[in-house]
Amino acid sequence: MTSMWPCKWPQVAIAWCLHRPWDVLPIPGSSKVHHLKENAAAADLKLTADQVKRLDAAFAPGKAKGDRN
């Protein structure tokens, strides 16, 4: 899926959250100015319905496996 977007994964994650109908907003932390700018740019990233659907499927509840300690 990485080739679907011309940006970094954190930007995709933030954009995906912003495209969700949830009453939750991402609040990313940024220790560096360039990270803050990248995070803010995610608000301008437009995802298609297909892209949102693919992200929903990839990160569906229960989909993740492995230890979470």
N, C-alpha and C. Protein backbone atom coordinates (compact mmCIF):
# COMPACT_ATOMS: atom_id res chain seq x y z
N MET A 1 0.81 -1.20 0.00
CA MET A 1 0.00 0.00 0.00
C MET A 1 0.85 1.26 0.00
N THR A 2 2.11 1.14 0.29
CA THR A 2 2.94 2.34 0.43
C THR A 2 3.02 3.18 -0.82
N SER A 3 2.84 2.58 -1.98
CA SER A 3 2.96 3.35 -3.23
C SER A 3 1.69 4.14 -3.54
N MET A 4 0.65 4.01 -2.73
CA MET A 4 -0.61 4.70 -3.00
C MET A 4 -0.56 6.19 -2.67
N TRP A 5 0.43 6.61 -1.86
CA TRP A 5 0.49 8.00 -1.42
C TRP A 5 1.90 8.56 -1.58
N PRO A 6 1.99 9.80 -2.04
CA PRO A 6 3.30 10.44 -2.17
C PRO A 6 3.69 11.18 -0.90
N CYS A 7 3.52 10.53 0.25
CA CYS A 7 3.83 11.17 1.52
C CYS A 7 4.27 10.10 2.51
N LYS A 8 4.48 10.50 3.74
CA LYS A 8 4.93 9.57 4.78
C LYS A 8 3.74 8.90 5.46
N TRP A 9 3.99 7.72 6.02
CA TRP A 9 2.92 6.94 6.67
C TRP A 9 2.21 7.68 7.79
N PRO A 10 2.93 8.45 8.64
CA PRO A 10 2.19 9.17 9.67
C PRO A 10 1.15 10.13 9.09
N GLN A 11 1.46 10.73 7.95
CA GLN A 11 0.50 11.62 7.29
C GLN A 11 -0.73 10.83 6.83
N VAL A 12 -0.51 9.65 6.30
CA VAL A 12 -1.63 8.81 5.86
C VAL A 12 -2.49 8.43 7.07
N ALA A 13 -1.85 8.07 8.17
CA ALA A 13 -2.59 7.69 9.38
C ALA A 13 -3.45 8.84 9.88
N ILE A 14 -2.89 10.04 9.90
CA ILE A 14 -3.65 11.20 10.35
C ILE A 14 -4.79 11.50 9.39
N ALA A 15 -4.50 11.47 8.09
CA ALA A 15 -5.55 11.73 7.09
C ALA A 15 -6.66 10.69 7.19
N TRP A 16 -6.30 9.43 7.41
CA TRP A 16 -7.31 8.37 7.55
C TRP A 16 -8.22 8.67 8.74
N CYS A 17 -7.63 9.06 9.86
CA CYS A 17 -8.44 9.41 11.03
C CYS A 17 -9.37 10.58 10.72
N LEU A 18 -8.88 11.55 9.99
CA LEU A 18 -9.70 12.71 9.64
C LEU A 18 -10.81 12.37 8.66
N HIS A 19 -10.66 11.28 7.90
CA HIS A 19 -11.69 10.84 6.95
C HIS A 19 -12.71 9.91 7.59
N ARG A 20 -12.51 9.56 8.84
CA ARG A 20 -13.42 8.65 9.54
C ARG A 20 -14.61 9.41 10.10
N PRO A 21 -15.75 8.75 10.22
CA PRO A 21 -16.92 9.42 10.78
C PRO A 21 -16.94 9.41 12.31
N TRP A 22 -15.83 9.09 12.93
CA TRP A 22 -15.76 9.01 14.38
C TRP A 22 -15.77 10.39 14.99
N ASP A 23 -16.06 10.45 16.24
CA ASP A 23 -15.97 11.70 16.99
C ASP A 23 -14.63 11.77 17.71
N VAL A 24 -13.60 11.33 17.03
CA VAL A 24 -12.25 11.30 17.58
C VAL A 24 -11.32 11.98 16.60
N LEU A 25 -10.43 12.79 17.12
CA LEU A 25 -9.43 13.44 16.28
C LEU A 25 -8.05 13.02 16.73
N PRO A 26 -7.15 12.81 15.78
CA PRO A 26 -5.78 12.47 16.17
C PRO A 26 -5.08 13.69 16.76
N ILE A 27 -4.29 13.46 17.78
CA ILE A 27 -3.48 14.52 18.37
C ILE A 27 -2.03 14.04 18.36
N PRO A 28 -1.37 14.19 17.22
CA PRO A 28 0.01 13.69 17.13
C PRO A 28 0.98 14.58 17.89
N GLY A 29 1.95 13.95 18.49
CA GLY A 29 3.01 14.70 19.16
C GLY A 29 4.10 15.03 18.16
N SER A 30 4.76 16.12 18.35
CA SER A 30 5.84 16.53 17.45
C SER A 30 6.95 17.16 18.24
N SER A 31 8.10 16.51 18.23
CA SER A 31 9.24 17.06 18.96
C SER A 31 10.14 17.91 18.05
N LYS A 32 9.88 17.85 16.76
CA LYS A 32 10.68 18.61 15.80
C LYS A 32 9.74 19.41 14.89
N VAL A 33 10.17 20.58 14.49
CA VAL A 33 9.35 21.46 13.66
C VAL A 33 8.97 20.79 12.35
N HIS A 34 9.90 20.06 11.72
CA HIS A 34 9.57 19.44 10.43
C HIS A 34 8.51 18.36 10.60
N HIS A 35 8.47 17.68 11.75
CA HIS A 35 7.41 16.70 12.01
C HIS A 35 6.07 17.42 12.17
N LEU A 36 6.07 18.55 12.84
CA LEU A 36 4.85 19.34 13.02
C LEU A 36 4.30 19.75 11.65
N LYS A 37 5.18 20.19 10.76
CA LYS A 37 4.75 20.60 9.42
C LYS A 37 4.20 19.41 8.63
N GLU A 38 4.86 18.25 8.73
CA GLU A 38 4.36 17.05 8.05
C GLU A 38 2.99 16.64 8.59
N ASN A 39 2.84 16.68 9.91
CA ASN A 39 1.56 16.33 10.51
C ASN A 39 0.46 17.28 10.07
N ALA A 40 0.75 18.56 10.04
CA ALA A 40 -0.25 19.55 9.62
C ALA A 40 -0.62 19.36 8.15
N ALA A 41 0.33 18.97 7.32
CA ALA A 41 0.06 18.75 5.90
C ALA A 41 -0.90 17.60 5.67
N ALA A 42 -1.02 16.71 6.63
CA ALA A 42 -1.94 15.57 6.49
C ALA A 42 -3.38 16.03 6.36
N ALA A 43 -3.71 17.20 6.88
CA ALA A 43 -5.07 17.72 6.77
C ALA A 43 -5.44 18.01 5.32
N ASP A 44 -4.45 18.24 4.48
CA ASP A 44 -4.70 18.52 3.06
C ASP A 44 -4.69 17.26 2.19
N LEU A 45 -4.34 16.12 2.78
CA LEU A 45 -4.28 14.87 2.03
C LEU A 45 -5.69 14.35 1.81
N LYS A 46 -6.08 14.22 0.57
CA LYS A 46 -7.42 13.73 0.23
C LYS A 46 -7.34 12.25 -0.12
N LEU A 47 -8.06 11.45 0.63
CA LEU A 47 -8.11 10.01 0.37
C LEU A 47 -9.37 9.69 -0.42
N THR A 48 -9.25 8.78 -1.36
CA THR A 48 -10.43 8.34 -2.10
C THR A 48 -11.22 7.36 -1.23
N ALA A 49 -12.45 7.11 -1.62
CA ALA A 49 -13.27 6.14 -0.89
C ALA A 49 -12.60 4.77 -0.90
N ASP A 50 -11.97 4.42 -2.02
CA ASP A 50 -11.29 3.12 -2.11
C ASP A 50 -10.09 3.06 -1.17
N GLN A 51 -9.34 4.12 -1.07
CA GLN A 51 -8.20 4.15 -0.17
C GLN A 51 -8.64 4.01 1.28
N VAL A 52 -9.71 4.72 1.65
CA VAL A 52 -10.23 4.62 3.01
C VAL A 52 -10.70 3.19 3.28
N LYS A 53 -11.38 2.59 2.30
CA LYS A 53 -11.86 1.22 2.44
C LYS A 53 -10.70 0.25 2.65
N ARG A 54 -9.62 0.43 1.90
CA ARG A 54 -8.45 -0.45 2.03
C ARG A 54 -7.77 -0.26 3.38
N LEU A 55 -7.68 0.96 3.86
CA LEU A 55 -7.10 1.21 5.18
C LEU A 55 -8.00 0.62 6.27
N ASP A 56 -9.31 0.79 6.11
CA ASP A 56 -10.25 0.21 7.08
C ASP A 56 -10.05 -1.30 7.18
N ALA A 57 -9.91 -1.94 6.04
CA ALA A 57 -9.73 -3.40 6.02
C ALA A 57 -8.39 -3.81 6.63
N ALA A 58 -7.34 -3.05 6.32
CA ALA A 58 -6.01 -3.39 6.82
C ALA A 58 -5.90 -3.21 8.33
N PHE A 59 -6.64 -2.25 8.87
CA PHE A 59 -6.52 -1.93 10.29
C PHE A 59 -7.84 -2.14 11.04
N ALA A 60 -8.61 -3.10 10.58
CA ALA A 60 -9.89 -3.42 11.24
C ALA A 60 -9.64 -3.94 12.65
N PRO A 61 -10.57 -3.68 13.57
CA PRO A 61 -10.43 -4.22 14.93
C PRO A 61 -10.22 -5.73 14.89
N GLY A 62 -9.26 -6.20 15.66
CA GLY A 62 -8.95 -7.62 15.70
C GLY A 62 -7.98 -8.09 14.63
N LYS A 63 -7.67 -7.22 13.68
CA LYS A 63 -6.78 -7.59 12.57
C LYS A 63 -5.31 -7.69 13.01
N ALA A 64 -4.90 -6.82 13.91
CA ALA A 64 -3.52 -6.82 14.37
C ALA A 64 -3.22 -8.08 15.17
N LYS A 65 -2.05 -8.61 15.01
CA LYS A 65 -1.63 -9.83 15.70
C LYS A 65 -0.33 -9.55 16.45
N GLY A 66 -0.08 -10.36 17.44
CA GLY A 66 1.21 -10.27 18.13
C GLY A 66 1.10 -9.71 19.53
N ASP A 67 2.23 -9.69 20.21
CA ASP A 67 2.33 -9.26 21.59
C ASP A 67 2.18 -7.75 21.69
N ARG A 68 1.47 -7.28 22.67
CA ARG A 68 1.25 -5.84 22.87
C ARG A 68 1.74 -5.40 24.25
N ASN A 69 2.87 -5.90 24.69
CA ASN A 69 3.38 -5.55 26.02
C ASN A 69 4.11 -4.25 26.00
